[in-house]
N, C-alpha and C. Protein backbone atom coordinates (compact mmCIF):
# COMPACT_ATOMS: atom_id res chain seq x y z
N MET A 1 95.86 100.97 79.60
CA MET A 1 95.84 101.72 80.83
C MET A 1 96.99 101.32 81.74
N SER A 2 97.45 100.11 81.65
CA SER A 2 98.43 99.60 82.60
C SER A 2 99.87 99.94 82.19
N THR A 3 100.64 100.36 83.18
CA THR A 3 102.07 100.54 83.01
C THR A 3 102.72 99.38 83.75
N ARG A 4 103.31 98.48 83.06
CA ARG A 4 103.85 97.28 83.68
C ARG A 4 104.86 97.63 84.78
N ASN A 5 104.74 96.92 85.89
CA ASN A 5 105.67 97.03 87.00
C ASN A 5 105.78 98.45 87.56
N ALA A 6 104.69 99.19 87.58
CA ALA A 6 104.72 100.54 88.15
C ALA A 6 104.95 100.50 89.65
N ILE A 7 104.42 99.46 90.30
CA ILE A 7 104.62 99.26 91.74
C ILE A 7 105.04 97.81 91.91
N ALA A 8 106.13 97.57 92.59
CA ALA A 8 106.59 96.20 92.82
C ALA A 8 106.64 95.93 94.31
N VAL A 9 106.11 94.80 94.71
CA VAL A 9 106.14 94.41 96.11
C VAL A 9 107.51 93.83 96.40
N THR A 10 108.11 94.28 97.48
CA THR A 10 109.43 93.78 97.86
C THR A 10 109.34 93.05 99.18
N ASN A 11 110.31 92.22 99.44
CA ASN A 11 110.38 91.53 100.72
C ASN A 11 110.84 92.50 101.79
N GLN A 12 110.62 92.09 103.03
CA GLN A 12 111.07 92.92 104.14
C GLN A 12 112.60 93.01 104.12
N ASP A 13 113.10 94.03 104.76
CA ASP A 13 114.54 94.23 104.87
C ASP A 13 115.11 93.16 105.81
N ASN A 14 115.68 92.11 105.23
CA ASN A 14 116.17 90.99 106.04
C ASN A 14 117.29 91.40 106.98
N ALA A 15 118.13 92.33 106.58
CA ALA A 15 119.21 92.78 107.46
C ALA A 15 118.63 93.45 108.70
N ALA A 16 117.60 94.27 108.52
CA ALA A 16 116.96 94.93 109.67
C ALA A 16 116.30 93.90 110.57
N LEU A 17 115.68 92.89 109.98
CA LEU A 17 115.04 91.86 110.78
C LEU A 17 116.06 91.09 111.61
N MET A 18 117.25 90.87 111.04
CA MET A 18 118.28 90.11 111.75
C MET A 18 118.81 90.89 112.95
N ARG A 19 118.73 92.23 112.91
CA ARG A 19 119.20 93.04 114.03
C ARG A 19 118.21 93.07 115.18
N ARG A 20 116.95 92.66 114.93
CA ARG A 20 115.93 92.67 115.97
C ARG A 20 116.14 91.49 116.92
N PRO A 21 115.70 91.65 118.16
CA PRO A 21 115.73 90.51 119.07
C PRO A 21 114.87 89.38 118.50
N GLN A 22 115.26 88.15 118.74
CA GLN A 22 114.54 87.00 118.18
C GLN A 22 113.09 86.94 118.64
N SER A 23 112.76 87.49 119.80
CA SER A 23 111.41 87.39 120.31
C SER A 23 110.43 88.36 119.63
N VAL A 24 110.94 89.29 118.82
CA VAL A 24 110.09 90.27 118.18
C VAL A 24 109.91 89.89 116.70
N ALA A 25 108.68 89.55 116.34
CA ALA A 25 108.38 89.22 114.94
C ALA A 25 107.87 90.47 114.25
N THR A 26 108.05 90.54 112.95
CA THR A 26 107.52 91.65 112.17
C THR A 26 106.41 91.12 111.29
N ILE A 27 105.30 91.84 111.27
CA ILE A 27 104.15 91.47 110.47
C ILE A 27 104.22 92.21 109.14
N ALA A 28 103.90 91.53 108.05
CA ALA A 28 103.78 92.18 106.74
C ALA A 28 102.29 92.23 106.42
N PRO A 29 101.64 93.39 106.55
CA PRO A 29 100.20 93.46 106.30
C PRO A 29 99.86 93.00 104.89
N LEU A 30 98.72 92.31 104.76
CA LEU A 30 98.25 91.89 103.44
C LEU A 30 97.86 93.12 102.64
N ALA A 31 98.10 93.08 101.34
CA ALA A 31 97.85 94.26 100.50
C ALA A 31 97.16 93.88 99.20
N ASP A 32 96.32 94.78 98.72
CA ASP A 32 95.77 94.73 97.37
C ASP A 32 96.25 95.98 96.66
N ILE A 33 96.55 95.86 95.38
CA ILE A 33 96.96 97.01 94.57
C ILE A 33 96.11 96.99 93.31
N TYR A 34 95.50 98.14 93.01
CA TYR A 34 94.78 98.24 91.76
C TYR A 34 95.08 99.58 91.10
N GLU A 35 94.75 99.63 89.81
CA GLU A 35 95.06 100.82 89.01
C GLU A 35 93.78 101.47 88.52
N THR A 36 93.75 102.79 88.59
CA THR A 36 92.69 103.59 87.98
C THR A 36 93.34 104.42 86.88
N PRO A 37 92.58 105.13 86.07
CA PRO A 37 93.22 105.96 85.04
C PRO A 37 94.19 107.01 85.60
N ASP A 38 93.94 107.48 86.83
CA ASP A 38 94.75 108.56 87.41
C ASP A 38 95.75 108.13 88.47
N ALA A 39 95.60 106.90 89.00
CA ALA A 39 96.42 106.55 90.17
C ALA A 39 96.57 105.04 90.32
N TYR A 40 97.51 104.68 91.20
CA TYR A 40 97.65 103.32 91.70
C TYR A 40 97.18 103.38 93.15
N VAL A 41 96.36 102.42 93.54
CA VAL A 41 95.78 102.43 94.88
C VAL A 41 96.23 101.17 95.62
N LEU A 42 96.82 101.38 96.80
CA LEU A 42 97.23 100.28 97.66
C LEU A 42 96.29 100.24 98.84
N MET A 43 95.80 99.05 99.17
CA MET A 43 94.96 98.87 100.34
C MET A 43 95.63 97.82 101.22
N LEU A 44 95.94 98.21 102.46
CA LEU A 44 96.62 97.31 103.38
C LEU A 44 95.70 97.01 104.56
N ASP A 45 95.57 95.73 104.87
CA ASP A 45 94.73 95.27 105.95
C ASP A 45 95.52 95.37 107.26
N MET A 46 95.08 96.24 108.17
CA MET A 46 95.81 96.49 109.41
C MET A 46 94.88 96.57 110.61
N PRO A 47 94.07 95.53 110.86
CA PRO A 47 93.16 95.60 112.00
C PRO A 47 93.94 95.70 113.31
N GLY A 48 93.39 96.45 114.24
CA GLY A 48 94.02 96.60 115.55
C GLY A 48 95.10 97.65 115.60
N THR A 49 95.33 98.36 114.50
CA THR A 49 96.37 99.39 114.45
C THR A 49 95.74 100.76 114.67
N ARG A 50 96.34 101.54 115.54
CA ARG A 50 95.90 102.92 115.72
C ARG A 50 96.47 103.77 114.59
N LYS A 51 95.67 104.71 114.11
CA LYS A 51 96.08 105.58 113.00
C LYS A 51 97.40 106.29 113.31
N ASP A 52 97.56 106.76 114.55
CA ASP A 52 98.77 107.52 114.89
C ASP A 52 100.01 106.65 115.05
N SER A 53 99.86 105.33 114.94
CA SER A 53 101.04 104.46 115.02
C SER A 53 101.57 104.08 113.64
N ILE A 54 100.92 104.57 112.58
CA ILE A 54 101.31 104.23 111.21
C ILE A 54 102.22 105.32 110.66
N GLY A 55 103.34 104.92 110.06
CA GLY A 55 104.25 105.85 109.41
C GLY A 55 104.40 105.48 107.94
N ILE A 56 104.28 106.48 107.08
CA ILE A 56 104.42 106.26 105.63
C ILE A 56 105.53 107.16 105.12
N THR A 57 106.50 106.57 104.42
CA THR A 57 107.62 107.31 103.85
C THR A 57 107.69 107.00 102.36
N ILE A 58 107.88 108.05 101.57
CA ILE A 58 108.05 107.87 100.13
C ILE A 58 109.31 108.62 99.72
N ASP A 59 110.12 107.98 98.88
CA ASP A 59 111.30 108.66 98.35
C ASP A 59 111.34 108.39 96.84
N LYS A 60 112.47 108.54 96.27
CA LYS A 60 112.59 108.40 94.82
C LYS A 60 112.14 107.03 94.31
N SER A 61 112.48 105.97 95.03
CA SER A 61 112.20 104.63 94.50
C SER A 61 111.37 103.73 95.40
N SER A 62 110.97 104.20 96.59
CA SER A 62 110.29 103.31 97.52
C SER A 62 109.15 103.98 98.27
N LEU A 63 108.16 103.15 98.59
CA LEU A 63 107.10 103.52 99.52
C LEU A 63 107.24 102.54 100.68
N ILE A 64 107.43 103.06 101.89
CA ILE A 64 107.63 102.22 103.07
C ILE A 64 106.54 102.54 104.08
N ILE A 65 105.89 101.49 104.57
CA ILE A 65 104.84 101.64 105.56
C ILE A 65 105.26 100.86 106.80
N LYS A 66 105.32 101.56 107.94
CA LYS A 66 105.74 100.95 109.20
C LYS A 66 104.76 101.33 110.30
N GLY A 67 104.77 100.55 111.35
CA GLY A 67 103.93 100.85 112.49
C GLY A 67 103.92 99.70 113.47
N GLU A 68 102.87 99.67 114.28
CA GLU A 68 102.78 98.61 115.28
C GLU A 68 101.32 98.27 115.56
N VAL A 69 101.06 96.99 115.67
CA VAL A 69 99.77 96.49 116.11
C VAL A 69 99.89 96.28 117.61
N GLU A 70 99.00 96.90 118.37
CA GLU A 70 99.06 96.76 119.82
C GLU A 70 98.49 95.41 120.26
N SER A 71 99.02 94.91 121.35
CA SER A 71 98.50 93.68 121.93
C SER A 71 97.12 93.96 122.53
N HIS A 72 96.22 93.00 122.37
CA HIS A 72 94.87 93.14 122.91
C HIS A 72 94.76 92.59 124.33
N VAL A 73 95.85 92.03 124.83
CA VAL A 73 95.83 91.43 126.17
C VAL A 73 95.81 92.55 127.21
N LYS A 74 94.83 92.49 128.08
CA LYS A 74 94.66 93.50 129.11
C LYS A 74 95.46 93.15 130.35
N GLU A 75 95.79 94.18 131.12
CA GLU A 75 96.49 93.97 132.40
C GLU A 75 95.63 93.10 133.29
N ASN A 76 96.26 92.36 134.17
CA ASN A 76 95.57 91.47 135.12
C ASN A 76 94.75 90.40 134.41
N SER A 77 95.22 89.95 133.25
CA SER A 77 94.55 88.86 132.54
C SER A 77 95.61 87.85 132.11
N THR A 78 95.15 86.65 131.80
CA THR A 78 96.04 85.58 131.38
C THR A 78 95.72 85.21 129.94
N LEU A 79 96.71 85.26 129.10
CA LEU A 79 96.53 84.92 127.69
C LEU A 79 96.40 83.41 127.57
N LEU A 80 95.29 82.94 127.00
CA LEU A 80 95.04 81.51 126.83
C LEU A 80 95.26 81.05 125.40
N PHE A 81 95.05 81.93 124.44
CA PHE A 81 95.19 81.60 123.03
C PHE A 81 95.51 82.89 122.30
N ASN A 82 96.44 82.86 121.35
CA ASN A 82 96.85 84.11 120.71
C ASN A 82 97.09 83.94 119.22
N GLU A 83 96.19 84.52 118.40
CA GLU A 83 96.38 84.57 116.96
C GLU A 83 96.45 86.01 116.46
N ILE A 84 96.26 86.96 117.34
CA ILE A 84 96.34 88.38 116.99
C ILE A 84 97.51 88.97 117.77
N PRO A 85 98.72 88.81 117.24
CA PRO A 85 99.88 89.26 118.01
C PRO A 85 100.03 90.78 117.99
N GLY A 86 100.54 91.31 119.08
CA GLY A 86 100.97 92.70 119.07
C GLY A 86 102.40 92.70 118.57
N ALA A 87 102.63 93.37 117.45
CA ALA A 87 103.97 93.33 116.85
C ALA A 87 104.14 94.49 115.89
N PRO A 88 105.39 94.84 115.62
CA PRO A 88 105.64 95.87 114.59
C PRO A 88 105.33 95.30 113.20
N PHE A 89 104.96 96.19 112.28
CA PHE A 89 104.75 95.76 110.91
C PHE A 89 105.60 96.61 109.98
N HIS A 90 105.87 96.05 108.80
CA HIS A 90 106.70 96.72 107.81
C HIS A 90 106.31 96.19 106.44
N ARG A 91 106.13 97.10 105.51
CA ARG A 91 105.86 96.71 104.13
C ARG A 91 106.51 97.72 103.21
N ALA A 92 107.18 97.25 102.17
CA ALA A 92 107.89 98.14 101.24
C ALA A 92 107.46 97.83 99.81
N PHE A 93 107.37 98.89 99.00
CA PHE A 93 106.99 98.77 97.60
C PHE A 93 107.97 99.60 96.77
N ASN A 94 108.47 99.03 95.68
CA ASN A 94 109.32 99.77 94.75
C ASN A 94 108.43 100.55 93.79
N LEU A 95 108.81 101.77 93.47
CA LEU A 95 108.02 102.64 92.61
C LEU A 95 108.80 103.02 91.35
N THR A 96 108.09 103.23 90.26
CA THR A 96 108.73 103.69 89.03
C THR A 96 108.67 105.21 88.95
N ASP A 97 109.27 105.76 87.92
CA ASP A 97 109.28 107.21 87.73
C ASP A 97 107.91 107.77 87.33
N GLY A 98 106.97 106.92 86.96
CA GLY A 98 105.66 107.38 86.53
C GLY A 98 104.74 107.84 87.65
N ILE A 99 105.20 107.74 88.89
CA ILE A 99 104.39 108.12 90.05
C ILE A 99 104.82 109.50 90.54
N ASP A 100 103.85 110.36 90.76
CA ASP A 100 104.09 111.72 91.26
C ASP A 100 104.28 111.67 92.77
N ARG A 101 105.52 111.77 93.22
CA ARG A 101 105.83 111.66 94.66
C ARG A 101 105.26 112.82 95.47
N ASN A 102 104.88 113.91 94.82
CA ASN A 102 104.31 115.06 95.52
C ASN A 102 102.79 115.02 95.59
N ASN A 103 102.18 113.98 95.06
CA ASN A 103 100.73 113.88 95.03
C ASN A 103 100.32 112.48 95.50
N VAL A 104 100.30 112.29 96.82
CA VAL A 104 99.97 111.00 97.43
C VAL A 104 98.94 111.26 98.53
N ASP A 105 97.89 110.45 98.57
CA ASP A 105 96.88 110.54 99.62
C ASP A 105 96.90 109.26 100.43
N ALA A 106 96.64 109.37 101.73
CA ALA A 106 96.54 108.20 102.60
C ALA A 106 95.36 108.38 103.55
N HIS A 107 94.56 107.32 103.69
CA HIS A 107 93.42 107.34 104.60
C HIS A 107 93.38 106.01 105.35
N TYR A 108 92.99 106.08 106.61
CA TYR A 108 92.87 104.87 107.43
C TYR A 108 91.46 104.82 107.98
N ASP A 109 90.73 103.73 107.67
CA ASP A 109 89.35 103.60 108.11
C ASP A 109 89.02 102.13 108.32
N ASN A 110 88.45 101.83 109.47
CA ASN A 110 88.00 100.47 109.80
C ASN A 110 89.10 99.41 109.61
N GLY A 111 90.32 99.73 109.99
CA GLY A 111 91.41 98.76 109.92
C GLY A 111 92.04 98.60 108.56
N VAL A 112 91.69 99.48 107.61
CA VAL A 112 92.26 99.40 106.26
C VAL A 112 92.94 100.72 105.93
N LEU A 113 94.24 100.63 105.58
CA LEU A 113 94.99 101.80 105.13
C LEU A 113 94.92 101.83 103.61
N THR A 114 94.47 102.97 103.06
CA THR A 114 94.40 103.15 101.61
C THR A 114 95.38 104.25 101.22
N VAL A 115 96.32 103.91 100.35
CA VAL A 115 97.31 104.88 99.86
C VAL A 115 97.10 105.02 98.36
N LYS A 116 96.86 106.25 97.93
CA LYS A 116 96.64 106.53 96.51
C LYS A 116 97.87 107.26 95.97
N LEU A 117 98.54 106.62 95.01
CA LEU A 117 99.74 107.17 94.38
C LEU A 117 99.33 107.67 92.99
N PHE A 118 99.27 108.97 92.83
CA PHE A 118 98.81 109.54 91.57
C PHE A 118 99.89 109.44 90.50
N LYS A 119 99.44 109.24 89.27
CA LYS A 119 100.34 109.13 88.12
C LYS A 119 100.76 110.51 87.67
N LYS A 120 101.96 110.59 87.13
CA LYS A 120 102.39 111.82 86.46
C LYS A 120 101.57 111.99 85.19
N ASP A 121 101.34 113.22 84.80
CA ASP A 121 100.49 113.49 83.63
C ASP A 121 100.98 112.80 82.37
N ASP A 122 102.30 112.68 82.21
CA ASP A 122 102.82 112.10 80.97
C ASP A 122 102.61 110.59 80.87
N VAL A 123 102.19 109.91 81.94
CA VAL A 123 101.93 108.47 81.85
C VAL A 123 100.43 108.15 81.91
N LYS A 124 99.60 109.16 82.14
CA LYS A 124 98.16 108.94 82.16
C LYS A 124 97.66 108.67 80.74
N PRO A 125 96.68 107.78 80.62
CA PRO A 125 96.11 107.58 79.29
C PRO A 125 95.38 108.84 78.83
N ARG A 126 95.47 109.10 77.54
CA ARG A 126 94.75 110.26 77.01
C ARG A 126 94.18 109.90 75.65
N GLU A 127 93.10 110.54 75.32
CA GLU A 127 92.43 110.27 74.07
C GLU A 127 93.03 111.15 72.98
N ILE A 128 93.24 110.56 71.83
CA ILE A 128 93.79 111.28 70.68
C ILE A 128 92.64 111.54 69.70
N ARG A 129 92.42 112.77 69.37
CA ARG A 129 91.35 113.12 68.43
C ARG A 129 91.84 112.94 66.99
N ILE A 130 91.01 112.37 66.20
CA ILE A 130 91.32 112.22 64.77
C ILE A 130 90.85 113.46 64.05
N GLN A 131 91.71 114.03 63.23
CA GLN A 131 91.36 115.26 62.51
C GLN A 131 91.14 114.99 61.05
């Protein structure tokens, strides 16, 4: 069932990070990737992110997910401890030719973004009948 290296996790674009002001950190959301007979499914943990702040781009060789986690600090308050930063996030994945770029689903629910990348028919497993 598995097509080796169908989706590869890549590091963030270091050149883009170097152009950012030093005070702005970029978060790389944690991800799980699994395979079904019809698709590759990516699940990214993005608590605190509004659905409308998430951008997903797919091209010939990459899937790029960008957005921003908003700060939880309210006006007229003093931050005493901070482990949930408000910051932009970025995650990139390399894709092989076996993925149908015209058949991708994305859903965001309870802080988890699920992206389903469907396989092209010619790479899906199929049963061969013996005659």
